PDB file of N, CA and C in Angstrom:
ATOM      1  N   MET A   1      91.915 116.420 111.745  1.00  0.00           N
ATOM      2  CA  MET A   1      92.597 115.350 110.991  1.00  0.00           C
ATOM      3  C   MET A   1      94.058 115.865 110.789  1.00  0.00           C
ATOM      4  N   SER A   2      94.969 114.831 110.920  1.00  0.00           N
ATOM      5  CA  SER A   2      96.321 115.305 110.523  1.00  0.00           C
ATOM      6  C   SER A   2      96.756 114.403 109.452  1.00  0.00           C
ATOM      7  N   THR A   3      97.799 114.721 108.670  1.00  0.00           N
ATOM      8  CA  THR A   3      98.282 114.098 107.483  1.00  0.00           C
ATOM      9  C   THR A   3      99.548 113.272 107.972  1.00  0.00           C
ATOM     10  N   TYR A   4      99.522 112.027 107.540  1.00  0.00           N
ATOM     11  CA  TYR A   4     100.712 111.110 107.850  1.00  0.00           C
ATOM     12  C   TYR A   4     101.295 110.522 106.757  1.00  0.00           C
ATOM     13  N   GLU A   5     102.574 110.043 106.832  1.00  0.00           N
ATOM     14  CA  GLU A   5     103.190 109.159 105.809  1.00  0.00           C
ATOM     15  C   GLU A   5     103.665 107.992 106.542  1.00  0.00           C
ATOM     16  N   ALA A   6     103.465 106.845 105.913  1.00  0.00           N
ATOM     17  CA  ALA A   6     103.924 105.577 106.600  1.00  0.00           C
ATOM     18  C   ALA A   6     104.801 104.753 105.520  1.00  0.00           C
ATOM     19  N   MET A   7     105.983 104.254 105.982  1.00  0.00           N
ATOM     20  CA  MET A   7     106.828 103.415 105.136  1.00  0.00           C
ATOM     21  C   MET A   7     106.656 101.977 105.724  1.00  0.00           C
ATOM     22  N   PHE A   8     106.273 100.981 104.848  1.00  0.00           N
ATOM     23  CA  PHE A   8     106.125  99.728 105.327  1.00  0.00           C
ATOM     24  C   PHE A   8     107.214  98.855 104.600  1.00  0.00           C
ATOM     25  N   LEU A   9     107.787  97.859 105.497  1.00  0.00           N
ATOM     26  CA  LEU A   9     108.710  96.854 104.921  1.00  0.00           C
ATOM     27  C   LEU A   9     107.910  95.636 104.938  1.00  0.00           C
ATOM     28  N   ILE A  10     107.645  95.112 103.717  1.00  0.00           N
ATOM     29  CA  ILE A  10     106.880  93.847 103.537  1.00  0.00           C
ATOM     30  C   ILE A  10     107.713  92.784 103.092  1.00  0.00           C
ATOM     31  N   ASP A  11     107.367  91.638 103.555  1.00  0.00           N
ATOM     32  CA  ASP A  11     108.147  90.357 103.283  1.00  0.00           C
ATOM     33  C   ASP A  11     108.263  90.226 101.702  1.00  0.00           C
ATOM     34  N   ALA A  12     109.499  90.202 101.154  1.00  0.00           N
ATOM     35  CA  ALA A  12     109.746  90.177  99.755  1.00  0.00           C
ATOM     36  C   ALA A  12     109.459  88.696  99.186  1.00  0.00           C
ATOM     37  N   ARG A  13     109.179  87.700  99.941  1.00  0.00           N
ATOM     38  CA  ARG A  13     109.063  86.310  99.444  1.00  0.00           C
ATOM     39  C   ARG A  13     107.553  86.146  99.114  1.00  0.00           C
ATOM     40  N   LEU A  14     106.693  87.129  99.253  1.00  0.00           N
ATOM     41  CA  LEU A  14     105.249  86.903  99.041  1.00  0.00           C
ATOM     42  C   LEU A  14     105.023  86.994  97.458  1.00  0.00           C
ATOM     43  N   ASP A  15     104.030  86.223  97.010  1.00  0.00           N
ATOM     44  CA  ASP A  15     103.707  86.368  95.617  1.00  0.00           C
ATOM     45  C   ASP A  15     102.722  87.480  95.370  1.00  0.00           C
ATOM     46  N   GLU A  16     102.366  87.741  94.185  1.00  0.00           N
ATOM     47  CA  GLU A  16     101.699  88.986  93.934  1.00  0.00           C
ATOM     48  C   GLU A  16     100.278  89.129  94.528  1.00  0.00           C
ATOM     49  N   LYS A  17      99.674  87.948  94.599  1.00  0.00           N
ATOM     50  CA  LYS A  17      98.289  87.994  95.138  1.00  0.00           C
ATOM     51  C   LYS A  17      98.426  88.225  96.715  1.00  0.00           C
ATOM     52  N   ALA A  18      99.358  87.625  97.505  1.00  0.00           N
ATOM     53  CA  ALA A  18      99.577  87.931  98.881  1.00  0.00           C
ATOM     54  C   ALA A  18      99.901  89.387  99.087  1.00  0.00           C
ATOM     55  N   VAL A  19     100.752  89.866  98.283  1.00  0.00           N
ATOM     56  CA  VAL A  19     101.214  91.281  98.437  1.00  0.00           C
ATOM     57  C   VAL A  19     100.012  92.198  98.261  1.00  0.00           C
ATOM     58  N   ASN A  20      99.205  92.020  97.225  1.00  0.00           N
ATOM     59  CA  ASN A  20      98.007  92.824  97.078  1.00  0.00           C
ATOM     60  C   ASN A  20      97.069  92.759  98.297  1.00  0.00           C
ATOM     61  N   ALA A  21      96.981  91.576  98.930  1.00  0.00           N
ATOM     62  CA  ALA A  21      96.199  91.447 100.120  1.00  0.00           C
ATOM     63  C   ALA A  21      96.745  92.121 101.229  1.00  0.00           C
ATOM     64  N   VAL A  22      98.051  92.186 101.391  1.00  0.00           N
ATOM     65  CA  VAL A  22      98.610  93.099 102.466  1.00  0.00           C
ATOM     66  C   VAL A  22      98.421  94.616 102.209  1.00  0.00           C
ATOM     67  N   PHE A  23      98.530  95.038 100.950  1.00  0.00           N
ATOM     68  CA  PHE A  23      98.259  96.382 100.575  1.00  0.00           C
ATOM     69  C   PHE A  23      96.763  96.726 100.974  1.00  0.00           C
ATOM     70  N   ASP A  24      95.840  95.799 100.745  1.00  0.00           N
ATOM     71  CA  ASP A  24      94.456  96.022 100.938  1.00  0.00           C
ATOM     72  C   ASP A  24      94.330  96.154 102.475  1.00  0.00           C
ATOM     73  N   GLN A  25      94.925  95.268 103.295  1.00  0.00           N
ATOM     74  CA  GLN A  25      94.738  95.256 104.697  1.00  0.00           C
ATOM     75  C   GLN A  25      95.425  96.632 105.332  1.00  0.00           C
ATOM     76  N   ILE A  26      96.524  97.143 104.757  1.00  0.00           N
ATOM     77  CA  ILE A  26      96.930  98.323 105.191  1.00  0.00           C
ATOM     78  C   ILE A  26      96.065  99.505 104.990  1.00  0.00           C
ATOM     79  N   LYS A  27      95.412  99.539 103.896  1.00  0.00           N
ATOM     80  CA  LYS A  27      94.426 100.699 103.558  1.00  0.00           C
ATOM     81  C   LYS A  27      93.164 100.463 104.348  1.00  0.00           C
ATOM     82  N   GLU A  28      92.784  99.296 104.613  1.00  0.00           N
ATOM     83  CA  GLU A  28      91.491  98.941 105.305  1.00  0.00           C
ATOM     84  C   GLU A  28      91.722  99.390 106.689  1.00  0.00           C
ATOM     85  N   ALA A  29      92.868  99.171 107.377  1.00  0.00           N
ATOM     86  CA  ALA A  29      93.064  99.635 108.678  1.00  0.00           C
ATOM     87  C   ALA A  29      92.812 101.139 108.904  1.00  0.00           C
ATOM     88  N   ILE A  30      93.281 101.801 107.973  1.00  0.00           N
ATOM     89  CA  ILE A  30      93.173 103.240 107.934  1.00  0.00           C
ATOM     90  C   ILE A  30      91.674 103.703 107.764  1.00  0.00           C
ATOM     91  N   THR A  31      91.033 103.135 106.801  1.00  0.00           N
ATOM     92  CA  THR A  31      89.671 103.607 106.528  1.00  0.00           C
ATOM     93  C   THR A  31      88.645 103.081 107.539  1.00  0.00           C
ATOM     94  N   LYS A  32      88.916 101.996 108.337  1.00  0.00           N
ATOM     95  CA  LYS A  32      88.083 101.549 109.366  1.00  0.00           C
ATOM     96  C   LYS A  32      88.183 102.380 110.593  1.00  0.00           C
ATOM     97  N   ASN A  33      89.387 103.176 110.752  1.00  0.00           N
ATOM     98  CA  ASN A  33      89.393 104.162 111.766  1.00  0.00           C
ATOM     99  C   ASN A  33      89.078 105.497 111.296  1.00  0.00           C
ATOM    100  N   ASP A  34      88.182 105.679 110.396  1.00  0.00           N
ATOM    101  CA  ASP A  34      87.736 107.021 109.829  1.00  0.00           C
ATOM    102  C   ASP A  34      88.799 107.868 109.261  1.00  0.00           C
ATOM    103  N   GLY A  35      89.690 107.227 108.733  1.00  0.00           N
ATOM    104  CA  GLY A  35      90.831 107.950 107.912  1.00  0.00           C
ATOM    105  C   GLY A  35      90.680 107.756 106.340  1.00  0.00           C
ATOM    106  N   SER A  36      91.359 108.512 105.572  1.00  0.00           N
ATOM    107  CA  SER A  36      91.274 108.452 104.143  1.00  0.00           C
ATOM    108  C   SER A  36      92.762 108.240 103.668  1.00  0.00           C
ATOM    109  N   VAL A  37      92.916 107.353 102.654  1.00  0.00           N
ATOM    110  CA  VAL A  37      94.296 107.217 102.060  1.00  0.00           C
ATOM    111  C   VAL A  37      94.288 108.225 100.880  1.00  0.00           C
ATOM    112  N   ILE A  38      95.383 108.959 100.903  1.00  0.00           N
ATOM    113  CA  ILE A  38      95.641 110.044  99.874  1.00  0.00           C
ATOM    114  C   ILE A  38      96.318 109.476  98.795  1.00  0.00           C
ATOM    115  N   SER A  39      97.465 108.671  99.039  1.00  0.00           N
ATOM    116  CA  SER A  39      98.089 108.026  97.983  1.00  0.00           C
ATOM    117  C   SER A  39      98.921 106.860  98.548  1.00  0.00           C
ATOM    118  N   SER A  40      99.188 105.921  97.755  1.00  0.00           N
ATOM    119  CA  SER A  40      99.971 104.757  98.066  1.00  0.00           C
ATOM    120  C   SER A  40     100.687 104.214  96.744  1.00  0.00           C
ATOM    121  N   ARG A  41     101.867 103.789  97.066  1.00  0.00           N
ATOM    122  CA  ARG A  41     102.694 103.283  96.018  1.00  0.00           C
ATOM    123  C   ARG A  41     103.814 102.380  96.413  1.00  0.00           C
ATOM    124  N   ILE A  42     104.347 101.506  95.603  1.00  0.00           N
ATOM    125  CA  ILE A  42     105.485 100.701  95.874  1.00  0.00           C
ATOM    126  C   ILE A  42     106.758 101.612  95.713  1.00  0.00           C
ATOM    127  N   TRP A  43     107.534 101.778  96.718  1.00  0.00           N
ATOM    128  CA  TRP A  43     108.606 102.542  96.659  1.00  0.00           C
ATOM    129  C   TRP A  43     109.825 101.769  96.107  1.00  0.00           C
ATOM    130  N   SER A  44     109.961 100.586  96.410  1.00  0.00           N
ATOM    131  CA  SER A  44     110.971  99.704  95.908  1.00  0.00           C
ATOM    132  C   SER A  44     110.521  98.272  96.080  1.00  0.00           C
ATOM    133  N   GLU A  45     110.626  97.632  94.745  1.00  0.00           N
ATOM    134  CA  GLU A  45     110.172  96.235  94.535  1.00  0.00           C
ATOM    135  C   GLU A  45     110.837  95.237  95.607  1.00  0.00           C
ATOM    136  N   LYS A  46     112.183  95.364  95.599  1.00  0.00           N
ATOM    137  CA  LYS A  46     112.935  94.386  96.437  1.00  0.00           C
ATOM    138  C   LYS A  46     114.185  94.954  96.752  1.00  0.00           C
ATOM    139  N   ARG A  47     114.526  95.128  97.979  1.00  0.00           N
ATOM    140  CA  ARG A  47     115.817  95.733  98.456  1.00  0.00           C
ATOM    141  C   ARG A  47     116.438  94.966  99.494  1.00  0.00           C
ATOM    142  N   ARG A  48     117.690  94.715  99.529  1.00  0.00           N
ATOM    143  CA  ARG A  48     118.366  94.121 100.593  1.00  0.00           C
ATOM    144  C   ARG A  48     118.522  94.965 101.814  1.00  0.00           C
ATOM    145  N   LEU A  49     118.168  94.404 102.904  1.00  0.00           N
ATOM    146  CA  LEU A  49     118.251  94.984 104.278  1.00  0.00           C
ATOM    147  C   LEU A  49     119.623  94.989 104.817  1.00  0.00           C
ATOM    148  N   TYR A  50     119.887  96.176 105.546  1.00  0.00           N
ATOM    149  CA  TYR A  50     121.318  96.262 106.128  1.00  0.00           C
ATOM    150  C   TYR A  50     121.481  95.228 107.209  1.00  0.00           C
ATOM    151  N   PHE A  51     120.406  94.942 108.038  1.00  0.00           N
ATOM    152  CA  PHE A  51     120.501  93.820 108.989  1.00  0.00           C
ATOM    153  C   PHE A  51     119.072  93.085 108.887  1.00  0.00           C
ATOM    154  N   PRO A  52     119.163  91.816 109.276  1.00  0.00           N
ATOM    155  CA  PRO A  52     117.880  91.013 109.118  1.00  0.00           C
ATOM    156  C   PRO A  52     116.751  91.518 110.144  1.00  0.00           C
ATOM    157  N   ILE A  53     115.560  91.613 109.606  1.00  0.00           N
ATOM    158  CA  ILE A  53     114.387  91.841 110.348  1.00  0.00           C
ATOM    159  C   ILE A  53     113.451  90.514 110.255  1.00  0.00           C
ATOM    160  N   LYS A  54     113.147  89.989 111.392  1.00  0.00           N
ATOM    161  CA  LYS A  54     112.382  88.749 111.585  1.00  0.00           C
ATOM    162  C   LYS A  54     112.908  87.717 110.615  1.00  0.00           C
ATOM    163  N   LYS A  55     114.193  87.546 110.681  1.00  0.00           N
ATOM    164  CA  LYS A  55     114.902  86.645 109.851  1.00  0.00           C
ATOM    165  C   LYS A  55     114.870  86.749 108.268  1.00  0.00           C
ATOM    166  N   GLN A  56     114.568  87.935 107.913  1.00  0.00           N
ATOM    167  CA  GLN A  56     114.423  88.325 106.477  1.00  0.00           C
ATOM    168  C   GLN A  56     115.625  89.241 106.135  1.00  0.00           C
ATOM    169  N   TYR A  57     116.090  89.023 104.898  1.00  0.00           N
ATOM    170  CA  TYR A  57     117.283  89.919 104.451  1.00  0.00           C
ATOM    171  C   TYR A  57     116.793  90.781 103.335  1.00  0.00           C
ATOM    172  N   GLU A  58     115.625  90.640 102.738  1.00  0.00           N
ATOM    173  CA  GLU A  58     115.123  91.464 101.729  1.00  0.00           C
ATOM    174  C   GLU A  58     113.649  91.880 102.003  1.00  0.00           C
ATOM    175  N   ALA A  59     113.354  93.082 101.607  1.00  0.00           N
ATOM    176  CA  ALA A  59     111.919  93.476 101.880  1.00  0.00           C
ATOM    177  C   ALA A  59     111.484  94.402 100.596  1.00  0.00           C
ATOM    178  N   MET A  60     110.132  94.487 100.561  1.00  0.00           N
ATOM    179  CA  MET A  60     109.564  95.426  99.572  1.00  0.00           C
ATOM    180  C   MET A  60     109.113  96.714 100.409  1.00  0.00           C
ATOM    181  N   TYR A  61     109.429  97.792  99.795  1.00  0.00           N
ATOM    182  CA  TYR A  61     109.090  99.039 100.457  1.00  0.00           C
ATOM    183  C   TYR A  61     107.795  99.641  99.868  1.00  0.00           C
ATOM    184  N   TYR A  62     106.894  99.864 100.697  1.00  0.00           N
ATOM    185  CA  TYR A  62     105.523 100.411 100.459  1.00  0.00           C
ATOM    186  C   TYR A  62     105.261 101.820 101.140  1.00  0.00           C
ATOM    187  N   LEU A  63     104.931 102.839 100.358  1.00  0.00           N
ATOM    188  CA  LEU A  63     104.758 104.090 100.902  1.00  0.00           C
ATOM    189  C   LEU A  63     103.204 104.428 100.872  1.00  0.00           C
ATOM    190  N   VAL A  64     102.726 105.043 101.976  1.00  0.00           N
ATOM    191  CA  VAL A  64     101.256 105.336 101.961  1.00  0.00           C
ATOM    192  C   VAL A  64     101.252 106.714 102.698  1.00  0.00           C
ATOM    193  N   ASN A  65     100.416 107.670 102.055  1.00  0.00           N
ATOM    194  CA  ASN A  65     100.094 108.987 102.666  1.00  0.00           C
ATOM    195  C   ASN A  65      98.602 108.922 103.009  1.00  0.00           C
ATOM    196  N   PHE A  66      98.224 109.424 104.208  1.00  0.00           N
ATOM    197  CA  PHE A  66      96.874 109.389 104.644  1.00  0.00           C
ATOM    198  C   PHE A  66      96.538 110.394 105.712  1.00  0.00           C
ATOM    199  N   ASP A  67      95.342 110.576 105.822  1.00  0.00           N
ATOM    200  CA  ASP A  67      94.652 111.559 106.847  1.00  0.00           C
ATOM    201  C   ASP A  67      94.016 110.798 107.901  1.00  0.00           C
ATOM    202  N   LEU A  68      94.267 111.146 109.104  1.00  0.00           N
ATOM    203  CA  LEU A  68      93.730 110.251 110.255  1.00  0.00           C
ATOM    204  C   LEU A  68      93.653 111.075 111.510  1.00  0.00           C
ATOM    205  N   GLN A  69      92.833 110.845 112.424  1.00  0.00           N
ATOM    206  CA  GLN A  69      92.853 111.427 113.679  1.00  0.00           C
ATOM    207  C   GLN A  69      94.006 110.981 114.440  1.00  0.00           C
ATOM    208  N   PRO A  70      94.720 111.866 115.153  1.00  0.00           N
ATOM    209  CA  PRO A  70      95.897 111.436 115.930  1.00  0.00           C
ATOM    210  C   PRO A  70      95.669 110.434 116.948  1.00  0.00           C
ATOM    211  N   ASP A  71      94.519 110.392 117.572  1.00  0.00           N
ATOM    212  CA  ASP A  71      94.231 109.294 118.556  1.00  0.00           C
ATOM    213  C   ASP A  71      94.118 107.893 118.032  1.00  0.00           C
ATOM    214  N   SER A  72      93.931 107.820 116.742  1.00  0.00           N
ATOM    215  CA  SER A  72      93.826 106.531 115.962  1.00  0.00           C
ATOM    216  C   SER A  72      95.142 105.799 115.570  1.00  0.00           C
ATOM    217  N   ILE A  73      96.140 106.653 115.656  1.00  0.00           N
ATOM    218  CA  ILE A  73      97.552 106.008 115.328  1.00  0.00           C
ATOM    219  C   ILE A  73      97.850 104.786 116.066  1.00  0.00           C
ATOM    220  N   ASP A  74      97.732 104.800 117.316  1.00  0.00           N
ATOM    221  CA  ASP A  74      98.004 103.606 117.997  1.00  0.00           C
ATOM    222  C   ASP A  74      97.268 102.369 117.722  1.00  0.00           C
ATOM    223  N   LYS A  75      95.911 102.587 117.354  1.00  0.00           N
ATOM    224  CA  LYS A  75      94.987 101.495 116.907  1.00  0.00           C
ATOM    225  C   LYS A  75      95.584 100.875 115.634  1.00  0.00           C
ATOM    226  N   ILE A  76      96.063 101.774 114.560  1.00  0.00           N
ATOM    227  CA  ILE A  76      96.459 101.124 113.273  1.00  0.00           C
ATOM    228  C   ILE A  76      97.823 100.486 113.515  1.00  0.00           C
ATOM    229  N   ARG A  77      98.623 101.012 114.365  1.00  0.00           N
ATOM    230  CA  ARG A  77      99.948 100.404 114.659  1.00  0.00           C
ATOM    231  C   ARG A  77      99.816  98.993 115.237  1.00  0.00           C
ATOM    232  N   GLN A  78      98.795  98.881 116.142  1.00  0.00           N
ATOM    233  CA  GLN A  78      98.551  97.532 116.648  1.00  0.00           C
ATOM    234  C   GLN A  78      98.106  96.507 115.547  1.00  0.00           C
ATOM    235  N   VAL A  79      97.249  97.008 114.666  1.00  0.00           N
ATOM    236  CA  VAL A  79      96.763  96.036 113.578  1.00  0.00           C
ATOM    237  C   VAL A  79      98.074  95.804 112.643  1.00  0.00           C
ATOM    238  N   TYR A  80      98.934  96.795 112.329  1.00  0.00           N
ATOM    239  CA  TYR A  80     100.096  96.399 111.649  1.00  0.00           C
ATOM    240  C   TYR A  80     101.060  95.472 112.309  1.00  0.00           C
ATOM    241  N   ARG A  81     101.264  95.563 113.597  1.00  0.00           N
ATOM    242  CA  ARG A  81     102.096  94.691 114.325  1.00  0.00           C
ATOM    243  C   ARG A  81     101.602  93.285 114.354  1.00  0.00           C
ATOM    244  N   LEU A  82     100.431  93.066 114.244  1.00  0.00           N
ATOM    245  CA  LEU A  82      99.818  91.727 114.333  1.00  0.00           C
ATOM    246  C   LEU A  82      99.899  90.980 112.940  1.00  0.00           C
ATOM    247  N   ASN A  83     100.198  91.783 111.899  1.00  0.00           N
ATOM    248  CA  ASN A  83     100.300  91.179 110.505  1.00  0.00           C
ATOM    249  C   ASN A  83     101.739  90.664 110.295  1.00  0.00           C
ATOM    250  N   GLU A  84     101.876  89.412 110.187  1.00  0.00           N
ATOM    251  CA  GLU A  84     103.264  88.805 110.159  1.00  0.00           C
ATOM    252  C   GLU A  84     103.893  89.061 108.778  1.00  0.00           C
ATOM    253  N   ASN A  85     103.290  89.569 107.755  1.00  0.00           N
ATOM    254  CA  ASN A  85     103.895  89.883 106.529  1.00  0.00           C
ATOM    255  C   ASN A  85     104.456  91.265 106.527  1.00  0.00           C
ATOM    256  N   ILE A  86     104.149  92.099 107.461  1.00  0.00           N
ATOM    257  CA  ILE A  86     104.669  93.506 107.641  1.00  0.00           C
ATOM    258  C   ILE A  86     105.862  93.336 108.539  1.00  0.00           C
ATOM    259  N   LEU A  87     107.124  93.479 108.071  1.00  0.00           N
ATOM    260  CA  LEU A  87     108.272  93.378 108.875  1.00  0.00           C
ATOM    261  C   LEU A  87     108.521  94.573 109.782  1.00  0.00           C
ATOM    262  N   ARG A  88     108.152  95.742 109.313  1.00  0.00           N
ATOM    263  CA  ARG A  88     108.316  96.991 110.168  1.00  0.00           C
ATOM    264  C   ARG A  88     107.604  98.077 109.450  1.00  0.00           C
ATOM    265  N   VAL A  89     107.181  99.089 110.246  1.00  0.00           N
ATOM    266  CA  VAL A  89     106.401 100.265 109.819  1.00  0.00           C
ATOM    267  C   VAL A  89     106.970 101.470 110.441  1.00  0.00           C
ATOM    268  N   LEU A  90     107.130 102.601 109.837  1.00  0.00           N
ATOM    269  CA  LEU A  90     107.441 103.853 110.355  1.00  0.00           C
ATOM    270  C   LEU A  90     106.332 104.872 109.891  1.00  0.00           C
ATOM    271  N   ILE A  91     105.689 105.516 110.843  1.00  0.00           N
ATOM    272  CA  ILE A  91     104.532 106.421 110.622  1.00  0.00           C
ATOM    273  C   ILE A  91     105.108 107.721 111.090  1.00  0.00           C
ATOM    274  N   THR A  92     105.148 108.681 110.185  1.00  0.00           N
ATOM    275  CA  THR A  92     105.490 110.152 110.573  1.00  0.00           C
ATOM    276  C   THR A  92     104.393 111.150 110.174  1.00  0.00           C
ATOM    277  N   LYS A  93     104.363 112.205 110.979  1.00  0.00           N
ATOM    278  CA  LYS A  93     103.316 113.228 110.860  1.00  0.00           C
ATOM    279  C   LYS A  93     103.949 114.079 109.905  1.00  0.00           C
ATOM    280  N   LEU A  94     103.165 114.517 108.809  1.00  0.00           N
ATOM    281  CA  LEU A  94     103.675 115.547 107.907  1.00  0.00           C
ATOM    282  C   LEU A  94     103.349 116.924 108.276  1.00  0.00           C
ATOM    283  N   ASP A  95     104.122 117.956 108.003  1.00  0.00           N
ATOM    284  CA  ASP A  95     103.777 119.394 108.369  1.00  0.00           C
ATOM    285  C   ASP A  95     102.543 119.812 107.643  1.00  0.00           C
ATOM    286  N   SER A  96     101.742 120.554 108.367  1.00  0.00           N
ATOM    287  CA  SER A  96     100.478 121.101 107.669  1.00  0.00           C
ATOM    288  C   SER A  96     100.780 122.608 107.315  1.00  0.00           C
ATOM    289  N   ARG A  97     101.118 122.897 106.030  1.00  0.00           N
ATOM    290  CA  ARG A  97     101.362 124.214 105.650  1.00  0.00           C
ATOM    291  C   ARG A  97     100.246 124.747 104.820  1.00  0.00           C
TER     292      ARG A  97
END
């Protein structure tokens, strides 16, 4: 298992119930692929984007740290790509020290 950090840009127009559903879907994709979520938090409630992404000018930033097998990263990326409320995602591998 490797440790990863993912930053999600989520549509800022969503209401609280829809945002919580997106958070649950993000975590569920990790756990369904035999991973475990270490921590998750909202990094920024609403922030203006430098350039529009999917015709959106504002986004919520959501940060997740998790453990997952390296071969499962492509699977969860595909799940995130299909979710229309996730504007963009960046997944980086953390150093194991």
